[in-house]
Structures are given as C-alpha cells and as structure tokens.
N, C-alpha and C. Protein backbone atom coordinates (compact mmCIF):
# COMPACT_ATOMS: atom_id res chain seq x y z
N MET A 1 0.59 -0.69 -0.70
CA MET A 1 -0.31 -0.07 0.16
C MET A 1 0.88 1.37 0.03
N GLN A 2 1.30 2.63 -0.82
CA GLN A 2 1.63 3.32 -1.26
C GLN A 2 0.99 4.18 0.03
N ARG A 3 1.31 4.84 0.59
CA ARG A 3 1.60 6.11 1.43
C ARG A 3 0.63 7.50 0.20
N GLN A 4 0.34 8.18 0.36
CA GLN A 4 0.45 9.19 -0.15
C GLN A 4 1.07 10.71 0.64
N LEU A 5 1.20 11.08 -0.10
CA LEU A 5 1.77 12.46 0.49
C LEU A 5 1.08 13.13 1.13
N GLU A 6 1.08 13.34 2.01
CA GLU A 6 0.23 14.99 2.64
C GLU A 6 0.16 16.41 2.03
N THR A 7 -1.02 16.47 1.72
CA THR A 7 -1.13 18.41 1.47
C THR A 7 -1.40 19.28 2.19
N PRO A 8 -1.44 19.69 1.82
CA PRO A 8 -1.25 21.48 2.91
C PRO A 8 -2.22 22.03 2.99
N ASP A 9 -3.71 21.89 3.62
CA ASP A 9 -5.13 22.25 3.02
C ASP A 9 -4.83 23.94 3.16
N ARG A 10 -5.97 23.69 2.37
CA ARG A 10 -6.27 25.86 1.40
C ARG A 10 -5.60 26.74 2.83
N SER A 11 -6.37 26.52 3.67
CA SER A 11 -5.84 27.46 4.72
C SER A 11 -4.19 27.86 4.85
N GLU A 12 -3.15 27.07 5.41
CA GLU A 12 -2.33 26.46 5.13
C GLU A 12 -1.40 27.58 4.06
N GLN A 13 -2.33 26.78 3.29
CA GLN A 13 -1.27 27.47 1.44
C GLN A 13 -1.46 29.05 1.49
N ILE A 14 -2.66 29.22 2.50
CA ILE A 14 -2.94 30.74 1.78
C ILE A 14 -1.72 31.80 3.38
N VAL A 15 -2.07 31.00 4.23
CA VAL A 15 -1.05 31.15 5.23
C VAL A 15 0.43 31.64 4.62
N ARG A 16 1.06 30.64 3.65
CA ARG A 16 2.55 30.50 3.41
C ARG A 16 2.96 31.48 2.44
N VAL A 17 1.55 31.62 1.43
CA VAL A 17 1.83 32.90 0.45
C VAL A 17 1.51 34.34 1.41
N ALA A 18 1.00 34.48 2.43
CA ALA A 18 0.59 36.05 3.15
C ALA A 18 1.94 35.75 3.46
N PHE A 19 3.02 35.25 3.87
CA PHE A 19 3.85 35.35 5.31
C PHE A 19 5.35 34.65 3.84
N ALA A 20 4.87 34.94 2.75
CA ALA A 20 6.09 34.10 1.71
C ALA A 20 7.70 34.76 2.30
N ARG A 21 8.69 34.76 2.24
CA ARG A 21 9.94 35.12 1.94
C ARG A 21 9.88 35.89 1.03
N LEU A 22 10.85 36.77 1.62
CA LEU A 22 11.62 37.97 1.18
C LEU A 22 13.20 37.78 0.35
N ASP A 23 13.45 38.31 -1.06
CA ASP A 23 14.04 37.77 -1.93
C ASP A 23 15.68 38.70 -1.47
N VAL A 24 16.32 38.06 -0.09
CA VAL A 24 17.21 39.30 0.64
C VAL A 24 18.42 40.15 -0.33
N LEU A 25 18.86 38.94 -1.12
CA LEU A 25 20.15 39.94 -2.46
C LEU A 25 19.50 41.14 -3.25
N ALA A 26 17.86 40.42 -3.35
CA ALA A 26 17.40 41.55 -4.37
C ALA A 26 17.17 42.99 -3.74
N ILE A 27 16.62 42.92 -1.89
CA ILE A 27 16.03 44.01 -1.31
C ILE A 27 17.65 44.95 -1.35
N ALA A 28 18.07 43.59 -0.93
CA ALA A 28 19.92 44.42 -0.52
C ALA A 28 20.12 45.66 -1.94
N VAL A 29 21.01 44.67 -3.03
CA VAL A 29 20.96 45.22 -4.37
C VAL A 29 19.96 46.76 -4.20
N ALA A 30 18.59 47.03 -4.12
CA ALA A 30 17.97 47.71 -4.42
C ALA A 30 17.78 48.53 -3.43
N LEU A 31 18.27 48.96 -2.55
CA LEU A 31 18.92 49.23 -1.04
C LEU A 31 20.21 50.31 -1.84
N GLY A 32 20.73 50.07 -1.87
CA GLY A 32 22.27 50.03 -2.17
C GLY A 32 22.42 50.73 -3.53
N GLY A 33 21.24 50.48 -4.24
CA GLY A 33 21.07 50.93 -5.63
C GLY A 33 20.23 52.85 -5.36
N LEU A 34 19.01 52.59 -4.93
CA LEU A 34 18.56 53.95 -4.18
C LEU A 34 20.31 54.68 -3.24
N GLY A 35 20.43 54.05 -2.34
CA GLY A 35 21.42 54.27 -1.54
C GLY A 35 22.57 55.29 -2.57
N ALA A 36 22.84 54.86 -3.73
CA ALA A 36 24.34 55.29 -4.16
C ALA A 36 23.18 56.73 -5.53
N LEU A 37 22.25 56.26 -5.53
CA LEU A 37 21.66 57.46 -6.34
C LEU A 37 21.39 58.51 -5.08
N THR A 38 20.85 58.63 -4.29
CA THR A 38 20.39 59.62 -3.46
C THR A 38 22.34 60.09 -2.69
N LEU A 39 22.85 59.79 -2.62
CA LEU A 39 24.32 60.17 -2.13
C LEU A 39 24.86 61.20 -2.87
N TRP A 40 24.84 60.81 -4.33
CA TRP A 40 24.88 60.78 -5.86
C TRP A 40 24.52 62.53 -6.10
N LEU A 41 23.57 62.40 -5.92
CA LEU A 41 22.59 63.18 -6.83
C LEU A 41 22.54 64.49 -5.44
N MET A 42 22.68 64.03 -4.36
CA MET A 42 22.92 65.27 -2.90
C MET A 42 23.74 66.29 -3.65
N THR A 43 24.86 65.29 -3.17
CA THR A 43 26.29 66.01 -4.13
C THR A 43 26.71 66.46 -5.35
N ALA A 44 25.92 66.24 -6.47
CA ALA A 44 25.43 67.31 -7.62
C ALA A 44 24.91 68.17 -7.25
N ALA A 45 23.66 68.03 -6.87
CA ALA A 45 22.85 69.40 -6.36
C ALA A 45 23.17 70.44 -5.62
N LEU A 46 23.63 69.73 -5.15
CA LEU A 46 25.42 70.80 -4.19
C LEU A 46 26.02 71.60 -5.38
N LEU A 47 27.21 70.49 -6.20
CA LEU A 47 28.02 71.10 -6.91
C LEU A 47 27.34 72.01 -8.14
N ILE A 48 25.95 72.15 -8.28
CA ILE A 48 25.15 72.40 -10.02
C ILE A 48 24.95 73.86 -9.37
N LYS A 49 23.89 73.60 -7.56
CA LYS A 49 24.05 75.05 -6.89
C LYS A 49 25.06 76.35 -6.96
N GLY A 50 26.04 75.47 -6.62
CA GLY A 50 26.96 76.47 -6.24
C GLY A 50 26.73 77.39 -4.60
N ALA A 51 27.41 77.68 -4.37
CA ALA A 51 28.07 78.42 -2.84
C ALA A 51 27.52 80.41 -3.19
N PRO A 52 27.08 80.95 -2.10
CA PRO A 52 27.78 82.23 -2.20
C PRO A 52 28.82 82.93 -2.29
N PRO A 53 29.40 83.63 -2.45
CA PRO A 53 31.42 83.96 -2.27
C PRO A 53 31.57 83.89 -1.56
N GLY A 54 32.92 83.11 -0.59
CA GLY A 54 33.23 83.18 0.39
C GLY A 54 32.08 82.13 1.54
N MET A 55 31.69 81.01 1.52
CA MET A 55 31.03 79.98 1.40
C MET A 55 31.86 78.63 0.77
N HIS A 56 31.39 77.72 1.62
CA HIS A 56 31.93 76.63 1.01
C HIS A 56 31.10 76.13 0.47
N VAL A 57 31.28 74.92 -0.77
CA VAL A 57 29.96 74.57 -1.76
C VAL A 57 29.40 73.31 0.02
N GLY A 58 28.96 72.77 -0.25
CA GLY A 58 28.00 71.93 0.81
C GLY A 58 28.71 71.39 2.16
N GLU A 59 28.98 72.32 2.84
CA GLU A 59 29.45 72.50 4.38
C GLU A 59 28.86 71.03 5.14
N HIS A 60 27.88 71.09 5.79
CA HIS A 60 27.23 70.05 6.13
C HIS A 60 26.95 68.65 5.70
N LEU A 61 26.73 68.59 4.17
CA LEU A 61 27.06 67.37 3.90
C LEU A 61 29.32 66.95 3.59
N GLY A 62 28.82 67.81 3.49
CA GLY A 62 30.95 67.37 3.47
C GLY A 62 31.18 67.29 5.09
N LEU A 63 30.66 66.72 6.19
CA LEU A 63 30.63 66.33 7.36
C LEU A 63 30.44 64.75 7.03
N LEU A 64 30.71 64.38 5.86
CA LEU A 64 30.57 62.93 6.01
C LEU A 64 32.06 62.77 5.47
N GLU A 65 32.48 63.12 5.93
CA GLU A 65 33.60 62.43 5.59
C GLU A 65 34.55 62.04 6.19
N HIS A 66 34.19 62.48 7.96
CA HIS A 66 34.61 61.65 9.31
C HIS A 66 35.01 60.39 9.21
N PHE A 67 33.07 59.93 8.01
CA PHE A 67 32.36 58.72 7.98
C PHE A 67 32.92 58.32 7.31
N LEU A 68 32.70 58.59 5.78
CA LEU A 68 33.25 58.12 4.99
C LEU A 68 34.78 58.32 4.55
N PRO A 69 35.67 57.56 4.19
CA PRO A 69 37.32 57.92 4.01
C PRO A 69 37.14 58.67 2.63
N HIS A 70 37.89 60.05 2.32
CA HIS A 70 37.79 60.54 0.60
C HIS A 70 37.01 60.94 0.29
N TYR A 71 35.82 60.99 1.28
CA TYR A 71 34.26 61.45 0.73
C TYR A 71 33.93 63.87 0.27
N GLY A 72 33.76 63.80 -0.38
CA GLY A 72 34.28 65.22 -0.45
C GLY A 72 33.17 66.03 -1.61
N VAL A 73 32.55 66.86 -1.42
CA VAL A 73 31.65 67.40 -2.06
C VAL A 73 32.19 68.31 -3.37
N SER A 74 32.51 67.12 -4.21
CA SER A 74 33.70 67.35 -5.24
C SER A 74 32.65 66.16 -6.21
N TRP A 75 33.19 66.45 -7.54
CA TRP A 75 32.23 65.16 -8.79
C TRP A 75 33.91 63.95 -8.69
N ARG A 76 34.51 63.61 -8.26
CA ARG A 76 34.84 62.18 -7.44
C ARG A 76 34.42 62.05 -5.94
N GLY A 77 33.62 62.77 -5.20
CA GLY A 77 33.99 63.12 -4.08
C GLY A 77 32.19 62.38 -3.98
N SER A 78 31.61 62.24 -5.86
CA SER A 78 29.87 61.75 -5.76
C SER A 78 30.22 60.94 -6.07
N LEU A 79 31.18 60.33 -7.01
CA LEU A 79 31.36 59.54 -7.43
C LEU A 79 31.50 58.62 -6.80
N LEU A 80 32.67 58.86 -5.82
CA LEU A 80 33.45 57.88 -4.59
C LEU A 80 31.81 58.18 -3.16
N GLY A 81 30.92 58.97 -3.53
CA GLY A 81 30.13 58.88 -2.08
C GLY A 81 28.98 58.08 -2.75
N ALA A 82 29.09 56.94 -4.11
CA ALA A 82 27.59 56.67 -4.73
C ALA A 82 28.18 55.51 -4.23
N VAL A 83 28.88 55.11 -4.84
CA VAL A 83 30.15 53.66 -3.73
C VAL A 83 29.83 53.41 -3.06
N TYR A 84 29.96 54.26 -1.45
CA TYR A 84 29.93 54.50 -0.48
C TYR A 84 28.71 54.31 -0.11
N GLY A 85 27.30 54.50 -1.20
CA GLY A 85 25.76 54.38 -0.82
C GLY A 85 25.29 53.02 -0.89
N PHE A 86 26.48 52.90 -2.54
CA PHE A 86 25.66 51.56 -2.76
C PHE A 86 25.79 50.28 -1.19
N VAL A 87 27.26 49.93 -0.86
CA VAL A 87 27.86 49.34 0.16
C VAL A 87 26.70 49.37 1.22
N VAL A 88 26.63 50.72 1.66
CA VAL A 88 25.69 51.03 3.31
C VAL A 88 24.39 50.99 3.00
N GLY A 89 23.50 50.80 2.09
CA GLY A 89 22.49 50.51 1.59
C GLY A 89 22.08 49.02 1.75
N PHE A 90 23.28 48.27 0.59
CA PHE A 90 23.41 47.18 0.60
C PHE A 90 23.25 46.03 1.70
N VAL A 91 24.00 46.42 2.70
CA VAL A 91 24.18 45.93 3.96
C VAL A 91 23.37 46.13 4.17
N VAL A 92 22.19 47.64 4.28
CA VAL A 92 21.15 47.74 5.46
C VAL A 92 19.97 46.74 4.62
N GLY A 93 20.48 46.73 3.17
CA GLY A 93 18.96 45.55 3.12
C GLY A 93 19.37 44.80 3.24
N GLY A 94 20.27 44.30 3.14
CA GLY A 94 20.51 42.51 3.45
C GLY A 94 20.21 42.19 5.08
N ILE A 95 20.41 43.43 5.95
CA ILE A 95 19.97 43.28 7.62
C ILE A 95 18.06 43.31 7.35
N ILE A 96 17.51 44.58 6.86
CA ILE A 96 16.33 44.09 6.72
C ILE A 96 15.95 42.84 6.66
N GLY A 97 16.19 42.82 4.88
CA GLY A 97 15.65 41.24 4.09
C GLY A 97 15.74 40.45 5.15
N THR A 98 17.09 39.60 5.61
CA THR A 98 17.16 38.89 7.18
C THR A 98 15.65 38.98 8.66
N VAL A 99 16.63 39.83 8.35
CA VAL A 99 15.44 40.17 9.91
C VAL A 99 13.63 40.50 9.53
N TRP A 100 13.85 40.18 8.19
CA TRP A 100 12.05 40.41 8.20
C TRP A 100 11.91 38.50 7.53
N ASN A 101 12.85 38.35 6.68
CA ASN A 101 11.88 36.55 6.71
C ASN A 101 12.71 36.38 8.41
N LEU A 102 13.64 35.89 8.67
CA LEU A 102 13.51 35.66 10.25
C LEU A 102 11.69 35.36 11.44
N THR A 103 11.59 36.68 11.40
CA THR A 103 10.74 37.20 12.04
C THR A 103 9.54 36.73 11.60
N HIS A 104 9.44 36.85 9.66
CA HIS A 104 7.70 35.68 9.58
C HIS A 104 7.83 34.40 9.92
N HIS A 105 9.49 34.34 9.51
CA HIS A 105 9.52 31.78 9.37
C HIS A 105 9.52 31.84 11.38
N MET A 106 9.53 32.79 12.45
CA MET A 106 9.64 32.26 13.22
C MET A 106 7.42 32.56 13.45
N TYR A 107 7.44 33.44 13.89
CA TYR A 107 5.58 34.02 13.85
C TYR A 107 4.59 32.53 13.31
N LEU A 108 5.31 32.33 11.76
CA LEU A 108 5.01 31.50 10.65
C LEU A 108 4.88 29.52 10.93
N MET A 109 6.28 29.75 11.47
CA MET A 109 5.95 28.67 12.72
C MET A 109 5.16 28.09 14.12
N LEU A 110 5.04 29.43 15.05
CA LEU A 110 4.22 29.36 15.81
C LEU A 110 3.01 29.63 15.78
N ALA A 111 2.16 30.12 14.41
CA ALA A 111 0.74 30.06 14.48
C ALA A 111 0.38 28.96 13.83
N LEU A 112 1.55 27.73 12.91
CA LEU A 112 1.11 26.71 12.25
C LEU A 112 1.04 25.62 13.60
N ARG A 113 2.28 26.05 14.75
CA ARG A 113 2.19 25.11 15.48
C ARG A 113 0.34 25.12 16.65
N ARG A 114 0.42 26.09 16.60
CA ARG A 114 -0.68 27.02 18.11
C ARG A 114 -1.98 26.11 16.76
N ASP A 115 -2.02 25.81 15.67
CA ASP A 115 -3.03 25.26 15.49
C ASP A 115 -3.00 24.43 15.15
N SER A 116 -1.99 23.74 15.07
CA SER A 116 -2.11 22.38 14.56
C SER A 116 -2.00 21.64 16.38
N THR A 117 -1.70 22.19 17.44
CA THR A 117 -2.11 21.70 18.91
C THR A 117 -4.03 21.53 19.24
N THR A 118 -3.88 23.47 18.36
CA THR A 118 -6.02 23.14 19.20
C THR A 118 -6.55 22.36 18.50
N LEU A 119 -6.13 21.83 16.49
CA LEU A 119 -6.69 20.87 16.04
C LEU A 119 -6.98 19.74 17.01
N ASP A 120 -6.11 19.55 17.78
CA ASP A 120 -5.53 17.82 18.26
C ASP A 120 -6.33 17.75 19.31
N ILE A 121 -7.59 18.85 20.20
CA ILE A 121 -8.16 19.30 21.02
C ILE A 121 -9.11 18.54 21.48
C-alpha cells in the first residue's frame, strides 16, 4: 500500500503565501542602488547650485568625510559617495531582509504549531 503525501490544506497554503520569504539579495541591491543614487544626487545638486561668494559648497554634506574616508563635495566625491551609498544601502538592505524573513518564519512556525495543537484537542 502506497502512502499518499500529505498536502497542506487551503488555509495553510494561504498563510504560507501571506508569509512568503523576501529575496534578501534583491532587497540589498535595491537599497544599495537607492543609497548610491541618493548620495550622488545630493552631492551633484550642491555642486550645480554652487555657494555664495566666501562660502564652502556643501558644508554640512561635507561632514560625511568623518564617516566616509576621502569623500568630499566634489565630482570625484560624488562618485565615491555613490560607491559608499551602495555599500551602506546593500548592508542595510541585507539586514532588513534577513530580519524580516527570520521574524516571519518564527511567527509562521508558531502560528502553525498553535493551529495544529488546537486541532488535536
């Protein structure tokens, strides 16, 4: 006699679709691209706008040099800032995606276990 594989019921399928895993790499690349574009655009906008005579261009944005070595409000700095923005966004996106998947997996397992124990009573 051949045993049939248990197929999940319809409600379990709906729950699994609702708690589908996120693609961590896709989120990391997307946030990395967003970070790169944002930092490049902020630097480029300041360079295009310029500064009044006697003032430095992008005084406040230039303070990022303390956290991002060799970054500055210049065209070279905008490209380097884009690289830094991608790296920071990639790491943050990877962390967000991993934590999201982990918490959803834990909640889903808890909910399914609670559902199966209440049905056994």
